[in-house]
Amino acid sequence: MKIRIKKIISVILGLLFLGFLAILPTLLIQSTVQGVRLAGKLKNLDNPKNKNQVQKPIASIEPIEKEEIFHFLPGSKVYALAAAEPMNQSTNDKNSNGERTPAAAIAEAMDAGAAVILTTCSGSGFSCDYSLSLAKLARENNLRLILVDDGYISHDRFADLLPYCAAVKIIFANDSSDFYRHAPDTFANYALDNISQARQSGKHLEIEWRLNPAVDSDNDINDLLMQLKNNFASDLILHFSAAENASSSTTILRQAVASAQQAGFKYVYADGPDFPNGENTFCPAAGNNSSGLFVAIKRQNDFLLQNNLTNGICPDGTAIPGIWK
């Protein structure tokens, strides 16, 4: 009897150990990122001593995949800055305490070993001026800059920033009452114009589509997908996610991903338990499923696990759009 109990305990301990080994790679990756944060690389850059100074953006060091950028230097570290907004000062005022100027942000990014800087221009004059200064300094220091357009950059400011960017991410997020305030017709048309500018400039482009069941319908999604395909091409890189605080988003996410794939888009991404292969990149001939087909890049929880491409080239010689080195 005692021998039997010992065998059962041994089997249980063995299974627990195998389970631990299975999740160990993910734990190690996450602990590495958390270690970077704990080392002081995730900082709120506000200055509590003087509220008349600029509200500094929040900076973080992350794997680039965490920023929903999948086809640009996979596995590299990105120094990500949220948009900077002025508080109680005009856009021409200087930050007299000298903290977190664009030069300071560049220096911190380089010290952290980041290959990429990500900045968001949210429409205000100060925010876009800050992004432009940052972009110019990044180029001088051989750092690549990704510009995030969250729907509030005017076409003129967007055109000013483009020459200094290595890549652009445009966010669709039809979940705000003032979302259309810059567009003469609809936000979709406004965003499509900036997509067109980015494509014509030859910049790498990825699109993050934040869906909200409360305001997005299947017809709206399908109409916009057709506009994207008809005006551009099926090689657009689309990331689908749920808008913040959106409930019952699983159904609309599934429908959007299925619609994009049926429309012929080759690079469609979504994460979460409902999309076990939704972060993987497949060679175009393999389509957008994983039924025994070749996985070009494998990701999980926004972490790079495996890159089977050679400078962006599939084993059959097919090139996948992106910046790979």
Protein backbone atom coordinates (compact mmCIF):
# COMPACT_ATOMS: atom_id res chain seq x y z
CA MET A 1 0.00 0.00 0.00
CA LYS A 2 2.77 2.43 0.95
CA ILE A 3 4.63 1.62 -2.26
CA ARG A 4 1.50 2.39 -4.32
CA ILE A 5 1.04 5.77 -2.59
CA LYS A 6 4.68 6.62 -3.24
CA LYS A 7 4.25 5.82 -6.94
CA ILE A 8 1.15 8.04 -7.17
CA ILE A 9 2.98 10.90 -5.46
CA SER A 10 5.94 10.42 -7.81
CA VAL A 11 3.67 10.57 -10.87
CA ILE A 12 1.96 13.74 -9.60
CA LEU A 13 5.29 15.44 -8.88
CA GLY A 14 6.56 14.41 -12.29
CA LEU A 15 3.53 15.92 -14.04
CA LEU A 16 3.88 19.16 -12.07
CA PHE A 17 7.54 19.38 -13.04
CA LEU A 18 6.74 18.83 -16.74
CA GLY A 19 4.08 21.54 -16.54
CA PHE A 20 6.60 23.93 -15.03
CA LEU A 21 9.09 23.18 -17.81
CA ALA A 22 6.39 23.90 -20.41
CA ILE A 23 5.75 27.43 -19.13
CA LEU A 24 9.35 28.22 -18.17
CA PRO A 25 10.30 29.97 -21.49
CA THR A 26 7.35 32.38 -21.17
CA LEU A 27 8.17 33.08 -17.52
CA LEU A 28 11.79 33.82 -18.38
CA ILE A 29 10.80 36.23 -21.17
CA GLN A 30 8.32 38.05 -18.98
CA SER A 31 10.74 38.27 -16.07
CA THR A 32 13.32 39.79 -18.39
CA VAL A 33 10.91 42.53 -19.46
CA GLN A 34 9.79 43.10 -15.89
CA GLY A 35 13.42 43.31 -14.84
CA VAL A 36 13.92 46.10 -17.36
CA ARG A 37 10.94 47.91 -15.88
CA LEU A 38 12.11 47.44 -12.31
CA ALA A 39 15.51 48.74 -13.30
CA GLY A 40 13.84 52.09 -13.88
CA LYS A 41 13.05 51.95 -17.57
CA LEU A 42 9.33 52.38 -17.04
CA LYS A 43 8.94 55.90 -15.77
CA ASN A 44 6.21 58.43 -15.29
CA LEU A 45 7.93 61.55 -16.51
CA ASP A 46 5.65 64.06 -14.80
CA ASN A 47 7.35 66.65 -12.63
CA PRO A 48 5.31 66.98 -9.42
CA LYS A 49 7.33 70.02 -8.24
CA ASN A 50 6.04 72.38 -10.89
CA LYS A 51 2.67 71.75 -12.48
CA ASN A 52 3.20 74.63 -14.89
CA GLN A 53 5.87 72.63 -16.63
CA VAL A 54 5.26 70.28 -19.51
CA GLN A 55 3.49 67.04 -18.68
CA LYS A 56 6.18 64.62 -19.78
CA PRO A 57 5.21 61.45 -21.64
CA ILE A 58 5.51 58.03 -20.04
CA ALA A 59 8.47 56.07 -21.38
CA SER A 60 8.92 52.31 -21.40
CA ILE A 61 11.29 49.74 -22.84
CA GLU A 62 9.40 46.87 -24.46
CA PRO A 63 9.84 44.18 -27.08
CA ILE A 64 8.60 45.77 -30.28
CA GLU A 65 5.86 43.13 -30.56
CA LYS A 66 4.23 44.65 -27.46
CA GLU A 67 3.51 47.74 -29.55
CA GLU A 68 1.58 45.68 -32.15
CA ILE A 69 4.43 46.03 -34.64
CA PHE A 70 5.14 42.60 -36.15
CA HIS A 71 6.99 43.24 -39.43
CA PHE A 72 9.65 45.66 -38.20
CA LEU A 73 12.90 44.37 -36.65
CA PRO A 74 11.27 41.41 -34.87
CA GLY A 75 12.50 40.87 -31.33
CA SER A 76 14.16 44.28 -31.03
CA LYS A 77 13.77 46.62 -28.06
CA VAL A 78 11.69 49.76 -28.54
CA TYR A 79 11.77 52.90 -26.40
CA ALA A 80 8.10 53.92 -26.41
CA LEU A 81 6.93 57.42 -25.52
CA ALA A 82 3.32 58.35 -24.98
CA ALA A 83 2.19 61.68 -26.38
CA ALA A 84 3.46 64.76 -24.56
CA GLU A 85 0.87 67.43 -23.83
CA PRO A 86 1.34 70.93 -22.37
CA MET A 87 -0.46 71.71 -19.15
CA ASN A 88 -0.68 75.41 -18.23
CA GLN A 89 1.65 76.90 -20.79
CA SER A 90 1.75 77.85 -24.44
CA THR A 91 3.35 75.56 -26.98
CA ASN A 92 6.31 77.95 -27.28
CA ASP A 93 7.31 77.82 -23.62
CA LYS A 94 10.50 75.99 -22.75
CA ASN A 95 10.83 73.31 -20.12
CA SER A 96 13.08 75.22 -17.73
CA ASN A 97 14.04 72.23 -15.60
CA GLY A 98 15.49 70.46 -18.62
CA GLU A 99 13.92 67.11 -17.81
CA ARG A 100 12.99 64.69 -20.55
CA THR A 101 13.71 66.89 -23.51
CA PRO A 102 13.92 65.06 -26.85
CA ALA A 103 17.70 64.91 -26.37
CA ALA A 104 17.23 63.32 -22.94
CA ALA A 105 14.81 60.77 -24.39
CA ILE A 106 17.30 59.88 -27.14
CA ALA A 107 20.07 59.46 -24.58
CA GLU A 108 17.93 57.22 -22.38
CA ALA A 109 16.90 55.10 -25.37
CA MET A 110 20.51 54.60 -26.39
CA ASP A 111 21.57 53.78 -22.83
CA ALA A 112 18.83 51.13 -22.71
CA GLY A 113 20.07 49.55 -25.94
CA ALA A 114 16.88 50.28 -27.86
CA ALA A 115 17.11 50.10 -31.65
CA VAL A 116 13.78 51.85 -32.17
CA ILE A 117 11.94 54.85 -30.71
CA LEU A 118 8.15 55.04 -30.86
CA THR A 119 6.34 58.35 -30.47
CA THR A 120 2.70 59.43 -30.66
CA CYS A 121 1.59 62.78 -32.02
CA SER A 122 -1.92 63.44 -30.70
CA GLY A 123 -2.82 66.50 -32.68
CA SER A 124 -1.74 69.36 -30.41
CA GLY A 125 0.95 71.71 -31.66
CA PHE A 126 3.20 70.92 -28.72
CA SER A 127 2.83 67.17 -29.07
CA CYS A 128 3.67 67.17 -32.78
CA ASP A 129 6.56 69.62 -32.29
CA TYR A 130 7.98 67.31 -29.63
CA SER A 131 7.63 64.29 -31.96
CA LEU A 132 9.28 66.16 -34.82
CA SER A 133 12.27 67.20 -32.68
CA LEU A 134 12.55 63.65 -31.41
CA ALA A 135 12.41 62.25 -34.96
CA LYS A 136 15.17 64.56 -36.20
CA LEU A 137 17.45 63.69 -33.29
CA ALA A 138 16.73 59.99 -33.71
CA ARG A 139 17.91 60.14 -37.32
CA GLU A 140 21.09 61.99 -36.30
CA ASN A 141 21.82 59.23 -33.77
CA ASN A 142 21.05 56.33 -36.14
CA LEU A 143 17.93 55.32 -34.25
CA ARG A 144 14.83 54.32 -36.18
CA LEU A 145 11.61 56.07 -35.28
CA ILE A 146 8.06 54.75 -35.52
CA LEU A 147 5.29 57.35 -35.59
CA VAL A 148 1.89 56.43 -34.16
CA ASP A 149 -1.11 58.23 -35.66
CA ASP A 150 -4.02 57.74 -33.28
CA GLY A 151 -6.44 59.63 -35.48
CA TYR A 152 -5.65 63.21 -34.56
CA ILE A 153 -2.70 64.22 -36.73
CA SER A 154 -3.53 66.73 -39.44
CA HIS A 155 -2.43 65.88 -42.95
CA ASP A 156 0.07 68.74 -42.93
CA ARG A 157 1.71 67.67 -39.66
CA PHE A 158 1.70 64.07 -40.82
CA ALA A 159 3.53 65.13 -44.00
CA ASP A 160 6.08 67.08 -41.90
CA LEU A 161 6.85 64.03 -39.76
CA LEU A 162 6.94 61.33 -42.46
CA PRO A 163 10.43 62.07 -43.87
CA TYR A 164 12.00 61.40 -40.47
CA CYS A 165 10.14 58.15 -39.76
CA ALA A 166 11.21 54.62 -40.50
CA ALA A 167 7.68 53.30 -40.02
CA VAL A 168 4.12 54.37 -39.24
CA LYS A 169 1.36 52.75 -37.20
CA ILE A 170 -2.14 54.07 -37.80
CA ILE A 171 -4.85 53.29 -35.26
CA PHE A 172 -8.53 52.86 -36.11
CA ALA A 173 -10.57 53.30 -32.93
CA ASN A 174 -14.10 54.48 -33.59
CA ASP A 175 -15.03 54.73 -29.92
CA SER A 176 -14.99 58.42 -29.11
CA SER A 177 -17.58 61.14 -29.59
CA ASP A 178 -14.94 63.56 -30.87
CA PHE A 179 -13.34 61.00 -33.14
CA TYR A 180 -14.48 62.76 -36.29
CA ARG A 181 -13.43 66.25 -35.33
CA HIS A 182 -10.58 66.46 -37.87
CA ALA A 183 -12.34 64.76 -40.78
CA PRO A 184 -14.36 66.59 -43.42
CA ASP A 185 -16.45 63.46 -43.97
CA THR A 186 -15.69 60.54 -41.66
CA PHE A 187 -12.74 59.36 -39.64
CA ALA A 188 -12.33 56.45 -42.03
CA ASN A 189 -11.74 58.82 -44.94
CA TYR A 190 -9.39 60.90 -42.85
CA ALA A 191 -7.35 57.86 -41.83
CA LEU A 192 -7.36 56.52 -45.39
CA ASP A 193 -5.75 59.77 -46.55
CA ASN A 194 -2.91 59.33 -44.04
CA ILE A 195 -2.52 55.69 -45.04
CA SER A 196 -2.21 56.86 -48.63
CA GLN A 197 0.49 59.39 -47.64
CA ALA A 198 2.42 56.71 -45.78
CA ARG A 199 2.21 54.25 -48.67
CA GLN A 200 3.25 56.84 -51.24
CA SER A 201 6.24 57.79 -49.10
CA GLY A 202 7.41 54.18 -49.06
CA LYS A 203 7.36 53.99 -45.26
CA HIS A 204 6.66 50.72 -43.54
CA LEU A 205 3.04 50.74 -42.36
CA GLU A 206 1.01 48.68 -39.92
CA ILE A 207 -2.60 49.27 -38.89
CA GLU A 208 -4.08 48.56 -35.47
CA TRP A 209 -7.87 48.27 -35.54
CA ARG A 210 -9.49 48.59 -32.11
CA LEU A 211 -13.02 47.30 -32.39
CA ASN A 212 -15.90 48.30 -30.14
CA PRO A 213 -19.18 46.35 -30.46
CA ALA A 214 -21.06 49.39 -29.20
CA VAL A 215 -20.24 51.46 -32.29
CA ASP A 216 -18.73 49.13 -34.90
CA SER A 217 -21.01 46.97 -37.04
CA ASP A 218 -20.24 44.14 -39.46
CA ASN A 219 -21.28 46.36 -42.37
CA ASP A 220 -18.95 49.16 -41.24
CA ILE A 221 -16.05 46.74 -40.91
CA ASN A 222 -16.69 45.13 -44.29
CA ASP A 223 -17.05 48.51 -46.00
CA LEU A 224 -13.76 49.74 -44.58
CA LEU A 225 -12.00 46.48 -45.46
CA MET A 226 -13.14 46.90 -49.06
CA GLN A 227 -11.90 50.49 -49.10
CA LEU A 228 -8.53 49.35 -47.80
CA LYS A 229 -8.25 46.58 -50.36
CA ASN A 230 -9.50 48.65 -53.31
CA ASN A 231 -7.35 51.68 -52.53
CA PHE A 232 -4.20 49.86 -51.47
CA ALA A 233 -3.47 46.13 -51.57
CA SER A 234 -4.01 42.87 -49.73
CA ASP A 235 -0.52 43.05 -48.23
CA LEU A 236 -1.58 45.63 -45.63
CA ILE A 237 -0.68 44.47 -42.12
CA LEU A 238 -3.78 44.49 -39.91
CA HIS A 239 -3.89 44.02 -36.12
CA PHE A 240 -7.36 43.52 -34.62
CA SER A 241 -7.97 44.14 -30.93
CA ALA A 242 -10.77 45.20 -28.62
CA ALA A 243 -11.11 48.83 -27.63
CA GLU A 244 -10.51 49.60 -23.97
CA ASN A 245 -13.53 48.92 -21.75
CA ALA A 246 -15.33 47.22 -24.65
CA SER A 247 -17.50 44.31 -23.55
CA SER A 248 -18.67 41.33 -25.62
CA SER A 249 -15.81 41.90 -28.05
CA THR A 250 -15.02 38.26 -28.86
CA THR A 251 -17.75 37.88 -31.48
CA ILE A 252 -16.92 41.04 -33.38
CA LEU A 253 -13.20 40.22 -33.28
CA ARG A 254 -13.85 36.79 -34.77
CA GLN A 255 -16.05 38.28 -37.47
CA ALA A 256 -13.56 41.00 -38.32
CA VAL A 257 -10.64 38.57 -38.58
CA ALA A 258 -12.70 36.18 -40.72
CA SER A 259 -13.88 39.02 -42.97
CA ALA A 260 -10.33 40.32 -43.47
CA GLN A 261 -9.06 36.85 -44.36
CA GLN A 262 -11.97 36.24 -46.72
CA ALA A 263 -11.26 39.59 -48.36
CA GLY A 264 -7.79 38.27 -49.18
CA PHE A 265 -5.61 40.14 -46.68
CA LYS A 266 -2.45 38.10 -46.10
CA TYR A 267 -1.30 39.48 -42.75
CA VAL A 268 -4.15 39.55 -40.24
CA TYR A 269 -3.39 39.39 -36.52
CA ALA A 270 -5.40 39.04 -33.32
CA ASP A 271 -4.38 37.72 -29.93
CA GLY A 272 -6.15 36.01 -27.06
CA PRO A 273 -7.36 32.49 -26.30
CA ASP A 274 -9.83 32.60 -29.19
CA PHE A 275 -6.94 33.06 -31.64
CA PRO A 276 -4.27 30.47 -30.74
CA ASN A 277 -2.38 31.18 -33.97
CA GLY A 278 -3.49 34.77 -34.37
CA GLU A 279 -0.05 36.26 -33.72
CA ASN A 280 1.85 34.03 -36.14
CA THR A 281 3.04 35.14 -39.57
CA PHE A 282 2.58 32.59 -42.34
CA CYS A 283 4.20 32.55 -45.74
CA PRO A 284 1.64 33.93 -48.25
CA ALA A 285 1.20 30.61 -50.03
CA ALA A 286 0.22 29.12 -46.68
CA GLY A 287 -2.67 31.49 -46.14
CA ASN A 288 -3.85 32.58 -42.72
CA ASN A 289 -4.32 29.32 -40.90
CA SER A 290 -2.02 26.83 -39.25
CA SER A 291 -3.24 23.44 -40.47
CA GLY A 292 0.22 22.02 -40.96
CA LEU A 293 1.38 25.02 -42.99
CA PHE A 294 4.68 26.84 -42.73
CA VAL A 295 4.96 29.33 -39.87
CA ALA A 296 7.30 32.14 -40.87
CA ILE A 297 7.33 33.86 -37.46
CA LYS A 298 5.89 32.45 -34.25
CA ARG A 299 4.73 34.74 -31.45
CA GLN A 300 2.86 34.29 -28.19
CA ASN A 301 1.47 36.97 -25.89
CA ASP A 302 3.25 39.62 -27.98
CA PHE A 303 6.64 37.94 -27.57
CA LEU A 304 8.77 36.65 -30.43
CA LEU A 305 9.37 32.89 -30.05
CA GLN A 306 10.79 31.91 -33.43
CA ASN A 307 11.77 33.62 -36.69
CA ASN A 308 12.13 31.22 -39.62
CA LEU A 309 12.65 33.91 -42.25
CA THR A 310 15.96 34.80 -43.84
CA ASN A 311 15.98 38.59 -44.17
CA GLY A 312 12.22 38.49 -44.66
CA ILE A 313 12.33 35.70 -47.25
CA CYS A 314 10.31 32.48 -46.97
CA PRO A 315 11.93 29.12 -47.79
CA ASP A 316 10.17 29.13 -51.18
CA GLY A 317 11.71 32.51 -52.02
CA THR A 318 8.59 34.59 -51.32
CA ALA A 319 9.33 37.96 -49.71
CA ILE A 320 7.18 39.12 -46.80
CA PRO A 321 6.81 42.94 -46.58
CA GLY A 322 8.60 44.51 -43.68
CA ILE A 323 11.86 45.86 -42.30
CA TRP A 324 13.91 42.90 -41.19
CA LYS A 325 17.42 44.26 -40.53
